[in-house]
Amino acid sequence: MSKPKIPFVRGAQAAREVFRTEVAREIGLDLGPDRARAKPLPIHPVDGAMVKRMIELADRHSK
């Protein structure tokens, strides 16, 4: 009998979004809608400097 599949961490998706938002703010990106900005940045892309910083943070926290 196999165990039912349960997420390793409940709320993992929410935690991922919080981490992504914090990293974006740290490197100066605004991922949320901003009425003062004429054209808000889209929420879906995660690349370049953001990915590099996420990898650095993950590496630091894994040690």
PDB file of N, CA and C in Angstrom:
ATOM      1  N   MET A   1       0.835  -1.177   0.000  1.00  0.00           N
ATOM      2  CA  MET A   1       0.000   0.000   0.000  1.00  0.00           C
ATOM      3  C   MET A   1       0.881   1.243   0.000  1.00  0.00           C
ATOM      4  N   SER A   2       0.635   2.126  -0.936  1.00  0.00           N
ATOM      5  CA  SER A   2       1.432   3.347  -0.981  1.00  0.00           C
ATOM      6  C   SER A   2       0.731   4.457  -0.205  1.00  0.00           C
ATOM      7  N   LYS A   3       1.544   5.329   0.319  1.00  0.00           N
ATOM      8  CA  LYS A   3       1.004   6.462   1.067  1.00  0.00           C
ATOM      9  C   LYS A   3       0.400   7.469   0.097  1.00  0.00           C
ATOM     10  N   PRO A   4      -0.626   8.177   0.520  1.00  0.00           N
ATOM     11  CA  PRO A   4      -1.156   9.239  -0.338  1.00  0.00           C
ATOM     12  C   PRO A   4      -0.117  10.343  -0.494  1.00  0.00           C
ATOM     13  N   LYS A   5      -0.098  10.940  -1.662  1.00  0.00           N
ATOM     14  CA  LYS A   5       0.874  12.002  -1.913  1.00  0.00           C
ATOM     15  C   LYS A   5       0.415  13.284  -1.236  1.00  0.00           C
ATOM     16  N   ILE A   6       1.242  13.760  -0.316  1.00  0.00           N
ATOM     17  CA  ILE A   6       0.965  14.987   0.430  1.00  0.00           C
ATOM     18  C   ILE A   6       2.126  15.936   0.159  1.00  0.00           C
ATOM     19  N   PRO A   7       1.840  17.190  -0.095  1.00  0.00           N
ATOM     20  CA  PRO A   7       2.945  18.129  -0.308  1.00  0.00           C
ATOM     21  C   PRO A   7       3.912  18.105   0.870  1.00  0.00           C
ATOM     22  N   PHE A   8       5.212  18.149   0.563  1.00  0.00           N
ATOM     23  CA  PHE A   8       6.229  18.111   1.615  1.00  0.00           C
ATOM     24  C   PHE A   8       6.028  19.252   2.598  1.00  0.00           C
ATOM     25  N   VAL A   9       5.747  20.414   2.082  1.00  0.00           N
ATOM     26  CA  VAL A   9       5.485  21.572   2.931  1.00  0.00           C
ATOM     27  C   VAL A   9       4.129  22.124   2.540  1.00  0.00           C
ATOM     28  N   ARG A  10       3.221  22.158   3.470  1.00  0.00           N
ATOM     29  CA  ARG A  10       1.915  22.741   3.155  1.00  0.00           C
ATOM     30  C   ARG A  10       2.105  24.226   2.896  1.00  0.00           C
ATOM     31  N   GLY A  11       1.457  24.708   1.884  1.00  0.00           N
ATOM     32  CA  GLY A  11       1.609  26.107   1.535  1.00  0.00           C
ATOM     33  C   GLY A  11       2.889  26.383   0.760  1.00  0.00           C
ATOM     34  N   ALA A  12       3.426  25.359   0.110  1.00  0.00           N
ATOM     35  CA  ALA A  12       4.686  25.529  -0.617  1.00  0.00           C
ATOM     36  C   ALA A  12       4.550  26.556  -1.733  1.00  0.00           C
ATOM     37  N   GLN A  13       3.416  26.559  -2.396  1.00  0.00           N
ATOM     38  CA  GLN A  13       3.226  27.518  -3.488  1.00  0.00           C
ATOM     39  C   GLN A  13       3.206  28.949  -2.950  1.00  0.00           C
ATOM     40  N   ALA A  14       2.542  29.161  -1.832  1.00  0.00           N
ATOM     41  CA  ALA A  14       2.505  30.495  -1.231  1.00  0.00           C
ATOM     42  C   ALA A  14       3.905  30.918  -0.787  1.00  0.00           C
ATOM     43  N   ALA A  15       4.659  29.989  -0.210  1.00  0.00           N
ATOM     44  CA  ALA A  15       6.021  30.297   0.220  1.00  0.00           C
ATOM     45  C   ALA A  15       6.893  30.652  -0.975  1.00  0.00           C
ATOM     46  N   ARG A  16       6.704  29.937  -2.078  1.00  0.00           N
ATOM     47  CA  ARG A  16       7.466  30.210  -3.296  1.00  0.00           C
ATOM     48  C   ARG A  16       7.176  31.608  -3.815  1.00  0.00           C
ATOM     49  N   GLU A  17       5.907  31.998  -3.782  1.00  0.00           N
ATOM     50  CA  GLU A  17       5.532  33.332  -4.254  1.00  0.00           C
ATOM     51  C   GLU A  17       6.109  34.429  -3.357  1.00  0.00           C
ATOM     52  N   VAL A  18       6.106  34.190  -2.044  1.00  0.00           N
ATOM     53  CA  VAL A  18       6.678  35.169  -1.113  1.00  0.00           C
ATOM     54  C   VAL A  18       8.171  35.315  -1.375  1.00  0.00           C
ATOM     55  N   PHE A  19       8.867  34.191  -1.542  1.00  0.00           N
ATOM     56  CA  PHE A  19      10.303  34.210  -1.819  1.00  0.00           C
ATOM     57  C   PHE A  19      10.577  34.955  -3.118  1.00  0.00           C
ATOM     58  N   ARG A  20       9.801  34.663  -4.149  1.00  0.00           N
ATOM     59  CA  ARG A  20       9.967  35.300  -5.456  1.00  0.00           C
ATOM     60  C   ARG A  20       9.757  36.808  -5.357  1.00  0.00           C
ATOM     61  N   THR A  21       8.741  37.220  -4.618  1.00  0.00           N
ATOM     62  CA  THR A  21       8.443  38.643  -4.457  1.00  0.00           C
ATOM     63  C   THR A  21       9.549  39.346  -3.680  1.00  0.00           C
ATOM     64  N   GLU A  22      10.047  38.702  -2.610  1.00  0.00           N
ATOM     65  CA  GLU A  22      11.127  39.306  -1.825  1.00  0.00           C
ATOM     66  C   GLU A  22      12.389  39.483  -2.657  1.00  0.00           C
ATOM     67  N   VAL A  23      12.729  38.477  -3.453  1.00  0.00           N
ATOM     68  CA  VAL A  23      13.917  38.571  -4.304  1.00  0.00           C
ATOM     69  C   VAL A  23      13.728  39.666  -5.345  1.00  0.00           C
ATOM     70  N   ALA A  24      12.545  39.746  -5.919  1.00  0.00           N
ATOM     71  CA  ALA A  24      12.273  40.775  -6.927  1.00  0.00           C
ATOM     72  C   ALA A  24      12.430  42.170  -6.333  1.00  0.00           C
ATOM     73  N   ARG A  25      11.914  42.365  -5.128  1.00  0.00           N
ATOM     74  CA  ARG A  25      12.057  43.669  -4.472  1.00  0.00           C
ATOM     75  C   ARG A  25      13.519  43.976  -4.181  1.00  0.00           C
ATOM     76  N   GLU A  26      14.249  42.950  -3.748  1.00  0.00           N
ATOM     77  CA  GLU A  26      15.661  43.136  -3.410  1.00  0.00           C
ATOM     78  C   GLU A  26      16.476  43.613  -4.611  1.00  0.00           C
ATOM     79  N   ILE A  27      16.182  43.083  -5.798  1.00  0.00           N
ATOM     80  CA  ILE A  27      16.961  43.490  -6.974  1.00  0.00           C
ATOM     81  C   ILE A  27      16.300  44.632  -7.732  1.00  0.00           C
ATOM     82  N   GLY A  28      15.222  45.175  -7.177  1.00  0.00           N
ATOM     83  CA  GLY A  28      14.631  46.377  -7.753  1.00  0.00           C
ATOM     84  C   GLY A  28      13.534  46.159  -8.768  1.00  0.00           C
ATOM     85  N   LEU A  29      12.958  44.972  -8.814  1.00  0.00           N
ATOM     86  CA  LEU A  29      11.832  44.728  -9.715  1.00  0.00           C
ATOM     87  C   LEU A  29      10.531  44.915  -8.955  1.00  0.00           C
ATOM     88  N   ASP A  30       9.532  45.366  -9.640  1.00  0.00           N
ATOM     89  CA  ASP A  30       8.202  45.498  -9.053  1.00  0.00           C
ATOM     90  C   ASP A  30       7.303  44.533  -9.795  1.00  0.00           C
ATOM     91  N   LEU A  31       6.931  43.439  -9.149  1.00  0.00           N
ATOM     92  CA  LEU A  31       6.124  42.425  -9.822  1.00  0.00           C
ATOM     93  C   LEU A  31       4.629  42.638  -9.661  1.00  0.00           C
ATOM     94  N   GLY A  32       4.247  43.533  -8.789  1.00  0.00           N
ATOM     95  CA  GLY A  32       2.827  43.741  -8.553  1.00  0.00           C
ATOM     96  C   GLY A  32       2.285  44.902  -9.351  1.00  0.00           C
ATOM     97  N   PRO A  33       0.975  44.974  -9.461  1.00  0.00           N
ATOM     98  CA  PRO A  33       0.381  46.106 -10.170  1.00  0.00           C
ATOM     99  C   PRO A  33       0.631  47.398  -9.398  1.00  0.00           C
ATOM    100  N   ASP A  34       0.996  48.418 -10.096  1.00  0.00           N
ATOM    101  CA  ASP A  34       1.301  49.700  -9.473  1.00  0.00           C
ATOM    102  C   ASP A  34       0.594  50.781 -10.276  1.00  0.00           C
ATOM    103  N   ARG A  35      -0.322  51.469  -9.655  1.00  0.00           N
ATOM    104  CA  ARG A  35      -1.108  52.465 -10.396  1.00  0.00           C
ATOM    105  C   ARG A  35      -0.260  53.663 -10.803  1.00  0.00           C
ATOM    106  N   ALA A  36       0.815  53.929 -10.071  1.00  0.00           N
ATOM    107  CA  ALA A  36       1.679  55.059 -10.417  1.00  0.00           C
ATOM    108  C   ALA A  36       2.522  54.752 -11.654  1.00  0.00           C
ATOM    109  N   ARG A  37       2.785  53.493 -11.887  1.00  0.00           N
ATOM    110  CA  ARG A  37       3.578  53.082 -13.039  1.00  0.00           C
ATOM    111  C   ARG A  37       2.654  52.978 -14.250  1.00  0.00           C
ATOM    112  N   ALA A  38       3.102  53.509 -15.360  1.00  0.00           N
ATOM    113  CA  ALA A  38       2.285  53.478 -16.571  1.00  0.00           C
ATOM    114  C   ALA A  38       2.071  52.049 -17.056  1.00  0.00           C
ATOM    115  N   LYS A  39       3.086  51.235 -16.953  1.00  0.00           N
ATOM    116  CA  LYS A  39       3.008  49.863 -17.450  1.00  0.00           C
ATOM    117  C   LYS A  39       3.635  48.933 -16.406  1.00  0.00           C
ATOM    118  N   PRO A  40       2.836  48.279 -15.552  1.00  0.00           N
ATOM    119  CA  PRO A  40       3.422  47.401 -14.541  1.00  0.00           C
ATOM    120  C   PRO A  40       4.123  46.212 -15.189  1.00  0.00           C
ATOM    121  N   LEU A  41       5.151  45.726 -14.514  1.00  0.00           N
ATOM    122  CA  LEU A  41       5.855  44.554 -15.019  1.00  0.00           C
ATOM    123  C   LEU A  41       4.951  43.339 -14.917  1.00  0.00           C
ATOM    124  N   PRO A  42       5.032  42.427 -15.876  1.00  0.00           N
ATOM    125  CA  PRO A  42       4.223  41.207 -15.793  1.00  0.00           C
ATOM    126  C   PRO A  42       4.675  40.337 -14.624  1.00  0.00           C
ATOM    127  N   ILE A  43       3.762  39.543 -14.109  1.00  0.00           N
ATOM    128  CA  ILE A  43       4.057  38.733 -12.929  1.00  0.00           C
ATOM    129  C   ILE A  43       4.768  37.433 -13.302  1.00  0.00           C
ATOM    130  N   HIS A  44       4.533  36.896 -14.485  1.00  0.00           N
ATOM    131  CA  HIS A  44       5.024  35.561 -14.809  1.00  0.00           C
ATOM    132  C   HIS A  44       6.518  35.409 -15.063  1.00  0.00           C
ATOM    133  N   PRO A  45       7.256  36.370 -15.662  1.00  0.00           N
ATOM    134  CA  PRO A  45       8.649  36.066 -15.978  1.00  0.00           C
ATOM    135  C   PRO A  45       9.556  36.054 -14.747  1.00  0.00           C
ATOM    136  N   VAL A  46      10.379  35.054 -14.674  1.00  0.00           N
ATOM    137  CA  VAL A  46      11.398  34.963 -13.640  1.00  0.00           C
ATOM    138  C   VAL A  46      12.671  34.550 -14.367  1.00  0.00           C
ATOM    139  N   ASP A  47      13.545  35.509 -14.626  1.00  0.00           N
ATOM    140  CA  ASP A  47      14.753  35.171 -15.368  1.00  0.00           C
ATOM    141  C   ASP A  47      15.880  36.134 -15.044  1.00  0.00           C
ATOM    142  N   GLY A  48      17.016  35.910 -15.642  1.00  0.00           N
ATOM    143  CA  GLY A  48      18.160  36.800 -15.521  1.00  0.00           C
ATOM    144  C   GLY A  48      18.640  37.012 -14.100  1.00  0.00           C
ATOM    145  N   ALA A  49      18.694  38.272 -13.698  1.00  0.00           N
ATOM    146  CA  ALA A  49      19.227  38.640 -12.382  1.00  0.00           C
ATOM    147  C   ALA A  49      18.420  38.017 -11.256  1.00  0.00           C
ATOM    148  N   MET A  50      17.119  37.875 -11.459  1.00  0.00           N
ATOM    149  CA  MET A  50      16.268  37.307 -10.416  1.00  0.00           C
ATOM    150  C   MET A  50      16.620  35.841 -10.172  1.00  0.00           C
ATOM    151  N   VAL A  51      16.783  35.083 -11.237  1.00  0.00           N
ATOM    152  CA  VAL A  51      17.138  33.671 -11.091  1.00  0.00           C
ATOM    153  C   VAL A  51      18.507  33.539 -10.427  1.00  0.00           C
ATOM    154  N   LYS A  52      19.445  34.364 -10.844  1.00  0.00           N
ATOM    155  CA  LYS A  52      20.789  34.327 -10.258  1.00  0.00           C
ATOM    156  C   LYS A  52      20.722  34.565  -8.752  1.00  0.00           C
ATOM    157  N   ARG A  53      19.954  35.563  -8.329  1.00  0.00           N
ATOM    158  CA  ARG A  53      19.840  35.877  -6.900  1.00  0.00           C
ATOM    159  C   ARG A  53      19.118  34.767  -6.149  1.00  0.00           C
ATOM    160  N   MET A  54      18.088  34.175  -6.743  1.00  0.00           N
ATOM    161  CA  MET A  54      17.369  33.081  -6.090  1.00  0.00           C
ATOM    162  C   MET A  54      18.305  31.894  -5.867  1.00  0.00           C
ATOM    163  N   ILE A  55      19.146  31.605  -6.868  1.00  0.00           N
ATOM    164  CA  ILE A  55      20.092  30.501  -6.739  1.00  0.00           C
ATOM    165  C   ILE A  55      21.106  30.798  -5.642  1.00  0.00           C
ATOM    166  N   GLU A  56      21.609  32.038  -5.582  1.00  0.00           N
ATOM    167  CA  GLU A  56      22.560  32.412  -4.533  1.00  0.00           C
ATOM    168  C   GLU A  56      21.947  32.240  -3.145  1.00  0.00           C
ATOM    169  N   LEU A  57      20.712  32.703  -2.973  1.00  0.00           N
ATOM    170  CA  LEU A  57      20.053  32.586  -1.667  1.00  0.00           C
ATOM    171  C   LEU A  57      19.796  31.131  -1.304  1.00  0.00           C
ATOM    172  N   ALA A  58      19.340  30.344  -2.268  1.00  0.00           N
ATOM    173  CA  ALA A  58      19.071  28.932  -2.002  1.00  0.00           C
ATOM    174  C   ALA A  58      20.359  28.209  -1.628  1.00  0.00           C
ATOM    175  N   ASP A  59      21.441  28.535  -2.323  1.00  0.00           N
ATOM    176  CA  ASP A  59      22.727  27.910  -2.032  1.00  0.00           C
ATOM    177  C   ASP A  59      23.203  28.283  -0.632  1.00  0.00           C
ATOM    178  N   ARG A  60      23.058  29.546  -0.271  1.00  0.00           N
ATOM    179  CA  ARG A  60      23.495  30.006   1.052  1.00  0.00           C
ATOM    180  C   ARG A  60      22.686  29.327   2.155  1.00  0.00           C
ATOM    181  N   HIS A  61      21.376  29.179   1.960  1.00  0.00           N
ATOM    182  CA  HIS A  61      20.520  28.596   2.997  1.00  0.00           C
ATOM    183  C   HIS A  61      20.632  27.081   3.071  1.00  0.00           C
ATOM    184  N   SER A  62      21.169  26.451   2.033  1.00  0.00           N
ATOM    185  CA  SER A  62      21.294  24.994   2.053  1.00  0.00           C
ATOM    186  C   SER A  62      22.541  24.539   2.810  1.00  0.00           C
ATOM    187  N   LYS A  63      23.428  25.477   3.126  1.00  0.00           N
ATOM    188  CA  LYS A  63      24.675  25.106   3.829  1.00  0.00           C
ATOM    189  C   LYS A  63      24.535  25.230   5.314  1.00  0.00           C
TER     190      LYS A  63
END
